Amino acid sequence: MNNKGDFKIVAAIDVGSNYLKMTIGEINTQGEVKILEDVVKPTKIGKDTFSKARISVKTIHETCDDLKGFVRLMKDYKIKFYKAVATSGIREAENKQYVLEQIRLRTGLNIESINIAQEQFFMLKAVRNHLNSIDIKKTEQSLIVNISSGAVETSIYEGGKLKFTEHVKIGSLRTREVLSDLETKTINFSQTMEQYIESRIYGLKSQIEKFQIHNFLGLGGEIDTICGIIRKKKGVNKKDYYIKMESILSLIDEIRNMDNFNIKTNYGISNKTAELLLPSILIFYCFLKMTKADGIAVPKLSLRKGIIYSLADEILNISRKKESINDIISSVWYMGDKYQIDKKHAVFVEKFSLEIFDYTRNLHKLGERERLYLQVAAILHDVGSFISANDHDFHSYNIIRAQSIIGFSDIEIELIASVTRYHGDEIPTKSRKSYRYLSDGDKMVVSTLAAILKLSEALDISHIQKISEMKLVVTKDSLFFNLESEEELILEEWNFLKHVDFFEEVIGVKPII
């Protein structure tokens, strides 16, 4: 890698559904970020995808032309390190690959289509940095609602720790496009839209209301525009980025019977922004009603800022990276609670799995990312028992594949799910389609982590945590497990021996108790 000084100025590009956005930032040696420039260009990507499922050739060409301007600006800043991502507009398009390839060929930019979980991860990077910079009481709970064009992401922090994260496909543009046929068929379109939004987020209501939310942070979803309109109406000159509930209700009443032209004219905003104003403010309002907050704080964060923080963490390898890992693990434990896992057993299997992984690093040569896969798999390996005690490993695989775990790509979720698939008696074989289609490298990751997870699970087959301590000793051909327990371990030894041959075949040493 080049010297850290080469990466002092970086760029984050968000190829979104409504806008193409680039933020150029300067990072210092502590990982602090100073924004140098923001560039925004409107796009019809989301309109094409959400209405026709494909992005038109005309939109592709227009997108490439605008992105060429971004590239020229990056050259002016002599930027050598950047990250460019595409969200729901491209992610859900049937011709996604063609679009990304045309962008690469025409502009030279490598755009990564990220899933919702990865999008959440970057946003939470920005959120966590914001929460660290303000005074939060240890018991205080904050709800963060981030509205994108295609989805709403919700997270709850308590005393700076992530407690909850979920997403729903009900973004501002998607809502407008889905309900477009109804707009001319009712005089109460805003009420119809509100009812639709309520129906889509109903499943989150009971979960959010369990918390005593007094802090509500609004991100995306034209919240800056909403805040600006309210501040202008009230004649506020100071930087007061807090919107009271009564101001939100007043604005809803004001615009509910306006068409897009009147909204655009009255507030001096673009046609695209006018189109999204009503669904955005209604979504925020529907979530705000679930809390005890009296309004919405607007911290002015963005996906791009989260990406820049992530770039800073990777380039400088600073301690802030650990906070992001803690957020991931916290969200995984929340998921485990939702599926009623045996928490004491999961803690045991997690601890022993990571100990085996760390002690055998010189044998398997896997890194920190794979260690994180193992940790998540160890926590969630029994979630399938929520469906059935029979074939629960198969059900665990399917449940995890269906989850959106922050920070992980689709293939990473597949790897984690596959590790849990083989934590019992079955071993990975080519007869399993899900395993057969993995790359050779990914097959080795799954098999190695599954071999470790099998042994950890075997050591608590009784689910009563008989073993108080484990010490490992490795020789040329063997891995000795010295276990301390006040109880008989005949059941654990019997189950452990069932997995010895597979571990030896994959990792190269024979486990011995």
Protein backbone atom coordinates (compact mmCIF):
# COMPACT_ATOMS: atom_id res chain seq x y z
CA MET A 1 0.00 0.00 0.00
CA ASN A 2 1.13 3.55 -0.69
CA ASN A 3 1.98 5.98 2.08
CA LYS A 4 -0.96 7.20 4.12
CA GLY A 5 -0.29 10.71 2.85
CA ASP A 6 -1.26 9.60 -0.66
CA PHE A 7 -4.79 8.95 0.59
CA LYS A 8 -5.28 12.20 2.48
CA ILE A 9 -8.00 13.31 0.06
CA VAL A 10 -10.61 10.68 -0.83
CA ALA A 11 -13.93 10.55 -2.64
CA ALA A 12 -17.22 8.74 -2.02
CA ILE A 13 -19.71 8.36 -4.87
CA ASP A 14 -23.34 7.35 -4.42
CA VAL A 15 -25.13 6.33 -7.61
CA GLY A 16 -28.62 6.63 -6.16
CA SER A 17 -32.15 6.36 -7.46
CA ASN A 18 -32.84 10.11 -7.61
CA TYR A 19 -29.40 11.65 -7.55
CA LEU A 20 -25.78 11.00 -8.41
CA LYS A 21 -23.75 12.36 -5.50
CA MET A 22 -20.05 12.71 -4.79
CA THR A 23 -18.40 13.92 -1.60
CA ILE A 24 -14.72 14.78 -1.52
CA GLY A 25 -13.20 14.72 1.94
CA GLU A 26 -9.87 15.22 3.63
CA ILE A 27 -8.89 12.83 6.42
CA ASN A 28 -6.22 13.50 9.04
CA THR A 29 -4.11 10.95 10.88
CA GLN A 30 -6.78 10.57 13.61
CA GLY A 31 -9.40 9.68 11.00
CA GLU A 32 -11.26 12.96 11.36
CA VAL A 33 -13.02 14.09 8.21
CA LYS A 34 -13.28 17.55 6.65
CA ILE A 35 -15.69 17.82 3.72
CA LEU A 36 -14.13 19.75 0.85
CA GLU A 37 -16.81 19.49 -1.81
CA ASP A 38 -20.26 17.99 -2.49
CA VAL A 39 -21.57 17.47 -6.01
CA VAL A 40 -25.16 16.46 -6.80
CA LYS A 41 -26.75 15.63 -10.17
CA PRO A 42 -30.36 14.46 -10.68
CA THR A 43 -30.96 11.09 -12.35
CA LYS A 44 -33.90 9.04 -13.62
CA ILE A 45 -32.41 5.70 -12.54
CA GLY A 46 -34.99 5.08 -9.80
CA LYS A 47 -37.91 6.25 -11.91
CA ASP A 48 -36.95 3.73 -14.62
CA THR A 49 -36.35 0.85 -12.20
CA PHE A 50 -39.36 1.31 -9.95
CA SER A 51 -41.79 1.79 -12.87
CA LYS A 52 -40.34 -0.46 -15.62
CA ALA A 53 -37.82 -2.70 -13.78
CA ARG A 54 -35.12 -1.74 -16.32
CA ILE A 55 -32.92 1.34 -16.77
CA SER A 56 -33.29 2.84 -20.24
CA VAL A 57 -30.33 3.28 -22.59
CA LYS A 58 -30.97 7.04 -22.55
CA THR A 59 -30.68 7.12 -18.75
CA ILE A 60 -27.50 5.01 -18.90
CA HIS A 61 -25.90 7.48 -21.31
CA GLU A 62 -26.96 10.49 -19.24
CA THR A 63 -25.62 8.81 -16.09
CA CYS A 64 -22.25 8.13 -17.72
CA ASP A 65 -21.97 11.73 -18.94
CA ASP A 66 -22.60 13.08 -15.43
CA LEU A 67 -20.17 10.60 -13.86
CA LYS A 68 -17.47 11.68 -16.31
CA GLY A 69 -17.75 15.11 -14.69
CA PHE A 70 -17.17 13.47 -11.30
CA VAL A 71 -14.07 11.75 -12.67
CA ARG A 72 -12.68 15.06 -13.98
CA LEU A 73 -13.15 16.65 -10.55
CA MET A 74 -11.41 13.70 -8.88
CA LYS A 75 -8.46 14.22 -11.25
CA ASP A 76 -8.33 17.91 -10.33
CA TYR A 77 -8.01 16.88 -6.66
CA LYS A 78 -5.46 14.18 -7.61
CA ILE A 79 -7.56 11.59 -5.78
CA LYS A 80 -6.06 8.11 -5.79
CA PHE A 81 -8.48 6.38 -3.43
CA TYR A 82 -12.24 6.35 -3.79
CA LYS A 83 -15.28 4.15 -3.24
CA ALA A 84 -18.30 4.24 -5.52
CA VAL A 85 -21.54 2.42 -4.70
CA ALA A 86 -24.93 1.90 -6.31
CA THR A 87 -28.07 1.51 -4.22
CA SER A 88 -31.64 0.33 -4.88
CA GLY A 89 -32.15 2.04 -8.25
CA ILE A 90 -29.41 -0.04 -9.90
CA ARG A 91 -29.51 -2.94 -7.41
CA GLU A 92 -33.11 -3.83 -8.33
CA ALA A 93 -32.84 -3.20 -12.07
CA GLU A 94 -33.09 -6.31 -14.25
CA ASN A 95 -30.29 -4.97 -16.45
CA LYS A 96 -28.03 -4.09 -13.50
CA GLN A 97 -24.91 -5.79 -14.87
CA TYR A 98 -25.17 -4.07 -18.25
CA VAL A 99 -25.54 -0.68 -16.57
CA LEU A 100 -22.52 -1.19 -14.29
CA GLU A 101 -20.40 -2.42 -17.19
CA GLN A 102 -21.35 0.55 -19.38
CA ILE A 103 -20.39 2.89 -16.53
CA ARG A 104 -17.03 1.11 -16.14
CA LEU A 105 -16.27 1.21 -19.86
CA ARG A 106 -17.38 4.81 -20.43
CA THR A 107 -16.08 6.46 -17.24
CA GLY A 108 -13.45 4.13 -15.78
CA LEU A 109 -15.34 4.01 -12.46
CA ASN A 110 -15.80 0.67 -10.73
CA ILE A 111 -19.23 0.90 -9.10
CA GLU A 112 -20.13 -1.67 -6.44
CA SER A 113 -23.81 -2.55 -6.19
CA ILE A 114 -24.29 -2.81 -2.44
CA ASN A 115 -27.17 -4.52 -0.68
CA ILE A 116 -29.34 -2.96 2.01
CA ALA A 117 -27.20 -4.40 4.81
CA GLN A 118 -24.07 -2.77 3.40
CA GLU A 119 -25.94 0.50 2.90
CA GLN A 120 -27.02 0.38 6.56
CA PHE A 121 -23.43 -0.29 7.64
CA PHE A 122 -22.12 2.87 5.98
CA MET A 123 -24.97 4.99 7.32
CA LEU A 124 -24.37 3.65 10.82
CA LYS A 125 -20.69 4.62 10.46
CA ALA A 126 -21.82 8.21 10.06
CA VAL A 127 -24.44 7.89 12.82
CA ARG A 128 -21.99 6.41 15.33
CA ASN A 129 -19.48 9.18 14.68
CA HIS A 130 -22.27 11.72 15.28
CA LEU A 131 -23.40 10.02 18.51
CA ASN A 132 -19.80 9.92 19.74
CA SER A 133 -19.56 13.68 19.21
CA ILE A 134 -22.62 14.61 21.29
CA ASP A 135 -23.56 14.12 24.94
CA ILE A 136 -25.71 10.98 25.22
CA LYS A 137 -26.82 9.59 28.58
CA LYS A 138 -26.01 5.91 29.14
CA THR A 139 -29.67 4.97 29.36
CA GLU A 140 -30.89 7.25 26.57
CA GLN A 141 -32.39 5.62 23.51
CA SER A 142 -32.28 7.08 20.01
CA LEU A 143 -34.23 6.05 16.92
CA ILE A 144 -32.54 6.74 13.59
CA VAL A 145 -34.80 6.67 10.52
CA ASN A 146 -33.04 6.90 7.17
CA ILE A 147 -35.30 7.23 4.13
CA SER A 148 -33.77 6.41 0.76
CA SER A 149 -35.59 6.37 -2.56
CA GLY A 150 -36.35 2.67 -2.30
CA ALA A 151 -36.35 1.77 1.40
CA VAL A 152 -36.47 2.91 5.02
CA GLU A 153 -33.76 1.81 7.42
CA THR A 154 -34.38 2.05 11.15
CA SER A 155 -31.88 1.65 13.98
CA ILE A 156 -32.08 2.10 17.73
CA TYR A 157 -29.08 3.02 19.88
CA GLU A 158 -29.01 2.92 23.66
CA GLY A 159 -26.16 4.78 25.31
CA GLY A 160 -24.20 4.62 22.07
CA LYS A 161 -24.75 0.86 21.57
CA LEU A 162 -26.73 -0.55 18.68
CA LYS A 163 -29.77 -2.45 19.92
CA PHE A 164 -31.97 -2.86 16.88
CA THR A 165 -31.82 -2.49 13.11
CA GLU A 166 -34.44 -3.26 10.46
CA HIS A 167 -35.41 -2.13 6.96
CA VAL A 168 -38.61 -1.94 4.97
CA LYS A 169 -38.98 -1.45 1.20
CA ILE A 170 -41.01 1.73 1.37
CA GLY A 171 -38.76 4.58 0.23
CA SER A 172 -40.07 7.96 -0.89
CA LEU A 173 -39.75 7.40 -4.64
CA ARG A 174 -40.95 3.80 -4.43
CA THR A 175 -44.04 4.92 -2.48
CA ARG A 176 -44.79 7.65 -5.01
CA GLU A 177 -44.39 5.24 -7.97
CA VAL A 178 -46.40 2.41 -6.38
CA LEU A 179 -49.35 4.70 -5.62
CA SER A 180 -49.17 6.84 -8.77
CA ASP A 181 -52.31 5.28 -10.31
CA LEU A 182 -54.37 6.29 -7.26
CA GLU A 183 -53.45 9.96 -7.23
CA THR A 184 -56.18 10.98 -9.71
CA LYS A 185 -58.78 8.60 -8.25
CA THR A 186 -59.20 10.12 -4.79
CA ILE A 187 -59.46 13.58 -3.28
CA ASN A 188 -57.73 12.28 -0.14
CA PHE A 189 -54.53 11.02 -1.75
CA SER A 190 -52.36 12.05 1.22
CA GLN A 191 -54.60 10.04 3.57
CA THR A 192 -54.40 7.04 1.24
CA MET A 193 -50.61 7.36 1.17
CA GLU A 194 -50.43 7.59 4.95
CA GLN A 195 -52.57 4.45 5.32
CA TYR A 196 -50.34 2.60 2.87
CA ILE A 197 -47.19 3.63 4.76
CA GLU A 198 -48.75 2.59 8.09
CA SER A 199 -49.59 -0.83 6.64
CA ARG A 200 -46.03 -1.39 5.41
CA ILE A 201 -44.31 -0.44 8.68
CA TYR A 202 -46.89 -2.03 10.98
CA GLY A 203 -44.58 -4.97 11.73
CA LEU A 204 -42.00 -2.59 13.27
CA LYS A 205 -44.46 -0.81 15.54
CA SER A 206 -44.44 -3.26 18.45
CA GLN A 207 -40.65 -3.59 18.31
CA ILE A 208 -40.01 0.16 18.36
CA GLU A 209 -42.63 0.88 21.03
CA LYS A 210 -40.84 -1.51 23.42
CA PHE A 211 -38.15 1.15 23.69
CA GLN A 212 -38.63 4.52 25.40
CA ILE A 213 -37.53 6.67 22.47
CA HIS A 214 -37.07 10.37 23.23
CA ASN A 215 -34.42 11.10 20.57
CA PHE A 216 -35.46 10.83 16.92
CA LEU A 217 -32.84 11.42 14.22
CA GLY A 218 -33.99 11.86 10.63
CA LEU A 219 -31.74 11.10 7.65
CA GLY A 220 -32.32 11.23 3.90
CA GLY A 221 -35.84 11.45 2.54
CA GLU A 222 -35.61 15.17 1.72
CA ILE A 223 -35.31 15.91 5.45
CA ASP A 224 -32.98 18.83 4.74
CA THR A 225 -35.61 20.34 2.43
CA ILE A 226 -38.37 19.78 5.01
CA CYS A 227 -36.21 21.38 7.69
CA GLY A 228 -35.38 24.31 5.40
CA ILE A 229 -39.05 24.98 4.57
CA ILE A 230 -40.04 24.96 8.25
CA ARG A 231 -37.12 27.16 9.30
CA LYS A 232 -37.96 29.69 6.54
CA LYS A 233 -41.64 29.77 7.54
CA LYS A 234 -40.68 30.44 11.17
CA GLY A 235 -38.05 33.02 10.21
CA VAL A 236 -35.27 31.09 11.98
CA ASN A 237 -31.81 32.47 11.35
CA LYS A 238 -29.75 30.39 13.76
CA LYS A 239 -28.67 26.87 12.88
CA ASP A 240 -31.66 25.16 14.49
CA TYR A 241 -31.95 21.74 12.86
CA TYR A 242 -34.75 20.36 15.01
CA ILE A 243 -38.30 19.97 13.68
CA LYS A 244 -41.13 19.98 16.23
CA MET A 245 -44.08 17.61 15.83
CA GLU A 246 -46.52 20.54 15.48
CA SER A 247 -44.43 21.98 12.61
CA ILE A 248 -44.52 18.62 10.83
CA LEU A 249 -48.31 18.38 11.20
CA SER A 250 -48.69 21.97 9.99
CA LEU A 251 -46.61 21.28 6.86
CA ILE A 252 -48.53 18.06 6.13
CA ASP A 253 -51.83 19.95 6.33
CA GLU A 254 -50.41 22.64 4.08
CA ILE A 255 -49.22 20.37 1.27
CA ARG A 256 -51.72 17.50 1.45
CA ASN A 257 -54.01 19.09 -1.18
CA MET A 258 -51.27 20.64 -3.33
CA ASP A 259 -50.12 19.15 -6.63
CA ASN A 260 -46.41 18.90 -7.44
CA PHE A 261 -46.45 22.16 -9.43
CA ASN A 262 -47.87 24.12 -6.47
CA ILE A 263 -45.39 22.54 -4.04
CA LYS A 264 -42.53 23.39 -6.40
CA THR A 265 -43.73 26.98 -6.87
CA ASN A 266 -44.64 27.72 -3.25
CA TYR A 267 -41.37 26.47 -1.76
CA GLY A 268 -38.94 27.18 -4.59
CA ILE A 269 -37.74 23.61 -4.93
CA SER A 270 -37.07 21.34 -7.91
CA ASN A 271 -39.80 19.24 -9.48
CA LYS A 272 -38.09 16.02 -8.32
CA THR A 273 -37.88 17.24 -4.73
CA ALA A 274 -41.50 18.41 -4.84
CA GLU A 275 -42.57 14.96 -6.00
CA LEU A 276 -40.93 13.31 -2.98
CA LEU A 277 -41.85 15.82 -0.30
CA LEU A 278 -45.23 14.34 0.69
CA PRO A 279 -44.16 10.66 0.92
CA SER A 280 -41.00 11.67 2.82
CA ILE A 281 -42.74 13.77 5.46
CA LEU A 282 -45.50 11.17 5.91
CA ILE A 283 -42.97 8.38 6.46
CA PHE A 284 -41.13 10.43 9.08
CA TYR A 285 -44.43 11.33 10.75
CA CYS A 286 -45.61 7.69 10.88
CA PHE A 287 -42.39 6.66 12.65
CA LEU A 288 -42.39 9.68 14.95
CA LYS A 289 -45.84 8.64 16.25
CA MET A 290 -44.28 5.38 17.52
CA THR A 291 -41.94 7.28 19.87
CA LYS A 292 -42.11 9.64 22.83
CA ALA A 293 -40.03 12.26 20.98
CA ASP A 294 -41.55 15.68 20.40
CA GLY A 295 -39.75 16.19 17.11
CA ILE A 296 -36.97 15.20 14.72
CA ALA A 297 -33.28 16.15 15.01
CA VAL A 298 -31.58 16.61 11.63
CA PRO A 299 -27.84 15.80 11.99
CA LYS A 300 -27.21 16.19 8.22
CA LEU A 301 -25.46 12.85 7.73
CA SER A 302 -25.18 10.89 4.49
CA LEU A 303 -24.23 7.55 3.01
CA ARG A 304 -21.23 9.27 1.42
CA LYS A 305 -19.96 10.56 4.75
CA GLY A 306 -20.22 7.05 6.19
CA ILE A 307 -18.22 5.71 3.24
CA ILE A 308 -15.50 8.31 3.84
CA TYR A 309 -15.30 7.31 7.52
CA SER A 310 -15.03 3.69 6.40
CA LEU A 311 -12.23 4.58 3.97
CA ALA A 312 -10.42 6.44 6.75
CA ASP A 313 -10.72 3.43 9.08
CA GLU A 314 -9.34 1.06 6.44
CA ILE A 315 -6.51 3.31 5.29
CA LEU A 316 -5.36 4.35 8.75
CA ASN A 317 -6.39 1.15 10.58
CA ILE A 318 -7.66 3.13 13.56
CA SER A 319 -9.54 1.83 16.59
CA ARG A 320 -12.89 3.15 15.34
CA LYS A 321 -13.13 -0.01 13.22
CA LYS A 322 -13.84 -1.99 16.39
CA GLU A 323 -16.96 0.08 17.11
CA SER A 324 -18.39 -0.94 13.74
CA ILE A 325 -17.69 -4.60 14.47
CA ASN A 326 -19.43 -4.20 17.82
CA ASP A 327 -22.47 -2.78 16.01
CA ILE A 328 -22.56 -5.82 13.71
CA ILE A 329 -22.34 -8.27 16.62
CA SER A 330 -24.94 -6.33 18.60
CA SER A 331 -27.38 -6.56 15.69
CA VAL A 332 -26.65 -10.31 15.36
CA TRP A 333 -27.49 -10.90 19.04
CA TYR A 334 -30.74 -8.99 18.50
CA MET A 335 -31.49 -11.34 15.62
CA GLY A 336 -30.73 -14.34 17.82
CA ASP A 337 -33.12 -13.04 20.49
CA LYS A 338 -35.82 -12.68 17.85
CA TYR A 339 -35.47 -16.39 17.01
CA GLN A 340 -35.28 -17.37 20.69
CA ILE A 341 -31.83 -18.96 20.66
CA ASP A 342 -30.33 -20.52 23.80
CA LYS A 343 -28.16 -17.52 24.65
CA LYS A 344 -25.89 -19.26 27.18
CA HIS A 345 -25.15 -22.01 24.67
CA ALA A 346 -24.50 -19.47 21.91
CA VAL A 347 -22.09 -17.54 24.15
CA PHE A 348 -20.20 -20.76 24.91
CA VAL A 349 -19.96 -21.81 21.25
CA GLU A 350 -18.93 -18.29 20.20
CA LYS A 351 -16.15 -18.12 22.80
CA PHE A 352 -14.70 -21.59 22.11
CA SER A 353 -14.98 -21.20 18.32
CA LEU A 354 -12.96 -17.99 18.37
CA GLU A 355 -10.36 -19.53 20.68
CA ILE A 356 -9.88 -22.47 18.30
CA PHE A 357 -9.74 -20.09 15.31
CA ASP A 358 -7.12 -17.86 16.95
CA TYR A 359 -4.97 -20.75 18.12
CA THR A 360 -4.90 -22.40 14.68
CA ARG A 361 -4.28 -19.26 12.58
CA ASN A 362 -0.91 -20.55 11.40
CA LEU A 363 -2.63 -23.66 10.07
CA HIS A 364 -5.69 -22.25 8.27
CA LYS A 365 -4.21 -18.80 7.36
CA LEU A 366 -7.62 -17.08 7.47
CA GLY A 367 -7.98 -13.44 8.48
CA GLU A 368 -10.12 -11.11 10.56
CA ARG A 369 -13.00 -11.03 8.08
CA GLU A 370 -13.34 -14.83 8.17
CA ARG A 371 -13.09 -14.70 11.98
CA LEU A 372 -16.10 -12.39 11.94
CA TYR A 373 -18.02 -14.87 9.73
CA LEU A 374 -17.31 -17.57 12.32
CA GLN A 375 -18.41 -15.36 15.20
CA VAL A 376 -21.74 -14.58 13.51
CA ALA A 377 -22.26 -18.24 12.57
CA ALA A 378 -21.50 -19.36 16.14
CA ILE A 379 -24.09 -16.97 17.57
CA LEU A 380 -26.78 -17.88 15.04
CA HIS A 381 -26.06 -21.57 14.40
CA ASP A 382 -29.21 -22.75 16.21
CA VAL A 383 -31.74 -20.17 14.91
CA GLY A 384 -33.32 -22.95 12.85
CA SER A 385 -34.66 -24.52 16.04
CA PHE A 386 -37.24 -21.71 16.01
CA ILE A 387 -38.87 -23.55 13.08
CA SER A 388 -38.21 -27.18 14.03
CA ALA A 389 -35.91 -29.27 16.21
CA ASN A 390 -35.60 -31.65 13.25
CA ASP A 391 -33.11 -30.59 10.57
CA HIS A 392 -32.58 -27.33 12.45
CA ASP A 393 -29.20 -26.82 10.75
CA PHE A 394 -30.97 -26.71 7.37
CA HIS A 395 -33.51 -24.24 8.73
CA SER A 396 -30.68 -22.14 10.20
CA TYR A 397 -29.15 -21.93 6.73
CA ASN A 398 -32.40 -20.70 5.18
CA ILE A 399 -33.15 -18.20 7.95
CA ILE A 400 -29.69 -16.61 7.78
CA ARG A 401 -29.79 -16.41 3.97
CA ALA A 402 -33.03 -14.43 4.29
CA GLN A 403 -31.55 -11.93 6.77
CA SER A 404 -30.09 -8.50 6.18
CA ILE A 405 -27.07 -8.43 8.50
CA ILE A 406 -25.41 -5.02 8.48
CA GLY A 407 -22.02 -4.84 6.81
CA PHE A 408 -22.18 -8.09 4.82
CA SER A 409 -22.52 -8.58 1.08
CA ASP A 410 -24.83 -11.23 -0.38
CA ILE A 411 -21.99 -13.71 -0.90
CA GLU A 412 -20.77 -13.16 2.67
CA ILE A 413 -24.25 -13.92 4.00
CA GLU A 414 -24.21 -17.09 1.89
CA LEU A 415 -20.88 -18.14 3.44
CA ILE A 416 -22.09 -17.53 7.00
CA ALA A 417 -25.31 -19.42 6.32
CA SER A 418 -23.34 -22.32 4.80
CA VAL A 419 -21.10 -22.59 7.88
CA THR A 420 -24.19 -22.98 10.09
CA ARG A 421 -25.60 -25.51 7.59
CA TYR A 422 -22.73 -27.86 8.43
CA HIS A 423 -22.36 -27.37 12.19
CA GLY A 424 -23.97 -30.76 12.87
CA ASP A 425 -23.23 -34.25 11.56
CA GLU A 426 -23.32 -33.40 7.86
CA ILE A 427 -20.18 -32.29 6.03
CA PRO A 428 -19.95 -30.08 2.91
CA THR A 429 -20.08 -32.07 -0.32
CA LYS A 430 -20.54 -31.28 -4.00
CA SER A 431 -23.92 -32.99 -3.88
CA ARG A 432 -25.20 -29.87 -2.12
CA LYS A 433 -25.97 -27.26 -4.77
CA SER A 434 -25.35 -24.34 -2.43
CA TYR A 435 -21.82 -25.64 -1.73
CA ARG A 436 -21.09 -26.83 -5.27
CA TYR A 437 -21.53 -23.36 -6.77
CA LEU A 438 -19.12 -21.64 -4.38
CA SER A 439 -15.66 -20.74 -5.65
CA ASP A 440 -12.80 -23.01 -4.54
CA GLY A 441 -11.59 -20.34 -2.11
CA ASP A 442 -15.06 -19.91 -0.60
CA LYS A 443 -15.46 -23.69 -0.29
CA MET A 444 -12.31 -23.75 1.85
CA VAL A 445 -13.58 -20.90 4.03
CA VAL A 446 -16.89 -22.67 4.64
CA SER A 447 -15.27 -26.03 5.36
CA THR A 448 -12.62 -24.58 7.68
CA LEU A 449 -15.08 -22.54 9.72
CA ALA A 450 -17.58 -25.41 9.81
CA ALA A 451 -14.88 -27.77 11.09
CA ILE A 452 -14.15 -25.36 13.97
CA LEU A 453 -17.84 -24.76 14.70
CA LYS A 454 -18.53 -28.52 14.82
CA LEU A 455 -15.98 -29.00 17.62
CA SER A 456 -17.23 -26.03 19.63
CA GLU A 457 -20.82 -27.21 19.34
CA ALA A 458 -19.78 -30.74 20.35
CA LEU A 459 -18.16 -29.44 23.54
CA ASP A 460 -21.55 -28.13 24.70
CA ILE A 461 -23.81 -30.77 23.18
CA SER A 462 -25.64 -30.93 26.54
CA HIS A 463 -26.33 -27.15 26.47
CA ILE A 464 -25.36 -26.87 30.16
CA GLN A 465 -21.79 -25.51 29.74
CA LYS A 466 -19.93 -28.19 31.69
CA ILE A 467 -16.49 -26.99 30.55
CA SER A 468 -15.09 -24.03 32.49
CA GLU A 469 -11.79 -23.62 30.65
CA MET A 470 -10.06 -24.89 27.51
CA LYS A 471 -6.32 -24.87 26.81
CA LEU A 472 -5.00 -25.84 23.39
CA VAL A 473 -1.61 -27.34 22.51
CA VAL A 474 -0.62 -27.87 18.90
CA THR A 475 2.07 -30.24 17.63
CA LYS A 476 3.08 -31.20 14.13
CA ASP A 477 0.16 -33.61 13.66
CA SER A 478 -2.19 -33.02 16.61
CA LEU A 479 -4.25 -30.38 18.38
CA PHE A 480 -4.70 -31.27 22.06
CA PHE A 481 -7.78 -30.02 23.93
CA ASN A 482 -7.09 -29.79 27.67
CA LEU A 483 -10.49 -29.24 29.27
CA GLU A 484 -11.39 -28.29 32.82
CA SER A 485 -14.74 -29.43 34.20
CA GLU A 486 -16.25 -30.56 37.49
CA GLU A 487 -18.67 -32.84 35.66
CA GLU A 488 -18.37 -35.97 33.54
CA LEU A 489 -17.76 -35.21 29.86
CA ILE A 490 -18.59 -38.59 28.32
CA LEU A 491 -21.37 -37.14 26.12
CA GLU A 492 -19.15 -34.28 24.93
CA GLU A 493 -16.23 -36.62 24.18
CA TRP A 494 -18.50 -38.97 22.23
CA ASN A 495 -19.86 -36.12 20.09
CA PHE A 496 -16.42 -34.52 19.70
CA LEU A 497 -14.97 -37.74 18.23
CA LYS A 498 -17.59 -37.72 15.46
CA HIS A 499 -16.01 -34.56 14.00
CA VAL A 500 -12.31 -35.32 14.45
CA ASP A 501 -11.75 -36.82 10.99
CA PHE A 502 -13.32 -33.88 9.13
CA PHE A 503 -11.30 -31.33 11.13
CA GLU A 504 -8.07 -33.25 10.44
CA GLU A 505 -8.89 -33.54 6.73
CA VAL A 506 -9.58 -29.81 6.35
CA ILE A 507 -7.06 -28.20 8.72
CA GLY A 508 -4.34 -30.85 8.79
CA VAL A 509 -4.05 -31.75 12.48
CA LYS A 510 -6.00 -34.28 14.55
CA PRO A 511 -8.00 -32.90 17.49
CA ILE A 512 -7.46 -34.94 20.65
CA ILE A 513 -9.18 -34.58 24.04
